[in-house]
């Protein structure tokens, strides 16, 4: 079994200025998906980067056939 701590990359903290209405929508969406707001924002950005071809998809991962989300 693979050690999960070796797979994680260092994360960089930064300040994000965002419209209040947009933030409320993201917070609600995150809650609906049982994610933290930070985790949901990271997931959204990661998904957009992969879909645009700006970030390679991890090899050996399985994607859900309809949503395209990576299975964990």
C-alpha atoms as a PDB file:
ATOM      1  CA  UNK A   1       0.000   0.000   0.000  1.00  0.00           C
ATOM      2  CA  UNK A   2       1.267   3.457  -0.889  1.00  0.00           C
ATOM      3  CA  UNK A   3       2.060   5.990   1.834  1.00  0.00           C
ATOM      4  CA  UNK A   4      -0.344   8.900   1.283  1.00  0.00           C
ATOM      5  CA  UNK A   5       2.011  11.436   2.895  1.00  0.00           C
ATOM      6  CA  UNK A   6       4.580  10.974   0.119  1.00  0.00           C
ATOM      7  CA  UNK A   7       2.012  11.747  -2.578  1.00  0.00           C
ATOM      8  CA  UNK A   8       0.984  15.153  -1.242  1.00  0.00           C
ATOM      9  CA  UNK A   9       2.677  18.241  -2.596  1.00  0.00           C
ATOM     10  CA  UNK A  10       3.441  21.344  -0.557  1.00  0.00           C
ATOM     11  CA  UNK A  11       0.637  23.893  -0.641  1.00  0.00           C
ATOM     12  CA  UNK A  12       1.096  27.625  -0.949  1.00  0.00           C
ATOM     13  CA  UNK A  13      -1.121  29.998   1.025  1.00  0.00           C
ATOM     14  CA  UNK A  14      -2.331  33.249  -0.538  1.00  0.00           C
ATOM     15  CA  UNK A  15      -5.025  35.902  -0.103  1.00  0.00           C
ATOM     16  CA  UNK A  16      -8.001  35.753  -2.460  1.00  0.00           C
ATOM     17  CA  UNK A  17     -10.276  38.728  -2.996  1.00  0.00           C
ATOM     18  CA  UNK A  18     -13.642  37.600  -4.312  1.00  0.00           C
ATOM     19  CA  UNK A  19     -17.111  39.136  -4.586  1.00  0.00           C
ATOM     20  CA  UNK A  20     -19.317  38.330  -1.605  1.00  0.00           C
ATOM     21  CA  UNK A  21     -22.076  36.830  -3.769  1.00  0.00           C
ATOM     22  CA  UNK A  22     -19.583  34.538  -5.501  1.00  0.00           C
ATOM     23  CA  UNK A  23     -18.090  33.471  -2.183  1.00  0.00           C
ATOM     24  CA  UNK A  24     -21.513  32.645  -0.755  1.00  0.00           C
ATOM     25  CA  UNK A  25     -22.288  30.521  -3.819  1.00  0.00           C
ATOM     26  CA  UNK A  26     -18.960  28.669  -3.478  1.00  0.00           C
ATOM     27  CA  UNK A  27     -19.538  28.103   0.251  1.00  0.00           C
ATOM     28  CA  UNK A  28     -23.000  26.663  -0.414  1.00  0.00           C
ATOM     29  CA  UNK A  29     -21.712  24.452  -3.226  1.00  0.00           C
ATOM     30  CA  UNK A  30     -18.881  23.205  -1.005  1.00  0.00           C
ATOM     31  CA  UNK A  31     -21.324  22.398   1.800  1.00  0.00           C
ATOM     32  CA  UNK A  32     -23.590  20.565  -0.655  1.00  0.00           C
ATOM     33  CA  UNK A  33     -20.588  18.438  -1.707  1.00  0.00           C
ATOM     34  CA  UNK A  34     -19.438  17.883   1.911  1.00  0.00           C
ATOM     35  CA  UNK A  35     -16.157  19.718   1.239  1.00  0.00           C
ATOM     36  CA  UNK A  36     -14.504  22.624   2.999  1.00  0.00           C
ATOM     37  CA  UNK A  37     -14.660  25.896   1.089  1.00  0.00           C
ATOM     38  CA  UNK A  38     -10.891  25.817   0.649  1.00  0.00           C
ATOM     39  CA  UNK A  39     -10.968  22.202  -0.522  1.00  0.00           C
ATOM     40  CA  UNK A  40     -13.773  22.954  -2.959  1.00  0.00           C
ATOM     41  CA  UNK A  41     -11.950  25.951  -4.443  1.00  0.00           C
ATOM     42  CA  UNK A  42      -8.839  23.815  -4.860  1.00  0.00           C
ATOM     43  CA  UNK A  43     -10.912  21.068  -6.520  1.00  0.00           C
ATOM     44  CA  UNK A  44     -12.567  23.561  -8.900  1.00  0.00           C
ATOM     45  CA  UNK A  45      -9.251  25.104  -9.927  1.00  0.00           C
ATOM     46  CA  UNK A  46      -7.629  21.682 -10.379  1.00  0.00           C
ATOM     47  CA  UNK A  47     -10.553  20.454 -12.493  1.00  0.00           C
ATOM     48  CA  UNK A  48     -10.481  23.580 -14.696  1.00  0.00           C
ATOM     49  CA  UNK A  49      -6.718  23.249 -15.222  1.00  0.00           C
ATOM     50  CA  UNK A  50      -7.056  19.596 -16.263  1.00  0.00           C
ATOM     51  CA  UNK A  51     -10.001  20.283 -18.584  1.00  0.00           C
ATOM     52  CA  UNK A  52      -8.100  23.101 -20.302  1.00  0.00           C
ATOM     53  CA  UNK A  53      -5.033  20.908 -20.750  1.00  0.00           C
ATOM     54  CA  UNK A  54      -2.894  23.145 -18.532  1.00  0.00           C
ATOM     55  CA  UNK A  55      -2.349  20.422 -15.935  1.00  0.00           C
ATOM     56  CA  UNK A  56      -1.768  16.780 -16.661  1.00  0.00           C
ATOM     57  CA  UNK A  57      -4.107  14.232 -15.156  1.00  0.00           C
ATOM     58  CA  UNK A  58      -2.478  11.830 -12.729  1.00  0.00           C
ATOM     59  CA  UNK A  59      -1.641   8.490 -14.278  1.00  0.00           C
ATOM     60  CA  UNK A  60      -3.247   5.466 -12.750  1.00  0.00           C
ATOM     61  CA  UNK A  61      -6.334   7.302 -11.505  1.00  0.00           C
ATOM     62  CA  UNK A  62      -9.840   6.277 -12.391  1.00  0.00           C
ATOM     63  CA  UNK A  63     -12.395   8.860 -13.420  1.00  0.00           C
ATOM     64  CA  UNK A  64     -16.129   8.666 -12.877  1.00  0.00           C
ATOM     65  CA  UNK A  65     -17.689   7.995 -16.323  1.00  0.00           C
ATOM     66  CA  UNK A  66     -20.261  10.810 -16.185  1.00  0.00           C
ATOM     67  CA  UNK A  67     -18.712  13.500 -13.993  1.00  0.00           C
ATOM     68  CA  UNK A  68     -15.068  13.022 -14.927  1.00  0.00           C
ATOM     69  CA  UNK A  69     -14.120  13.325 -11.258  1.00  0.00           C
ATOM     70  CA  UNK A  70     -11.174  11.286 -10.061  1.00  0.00           C
ATOM     71  CA  UNK A  71     -12.071   8.345  -7.878  1.00  0.00           C
ATOM     72  CA  UNK A  72     -10.312   8.340  -4.543  1.00  0.00           C
END
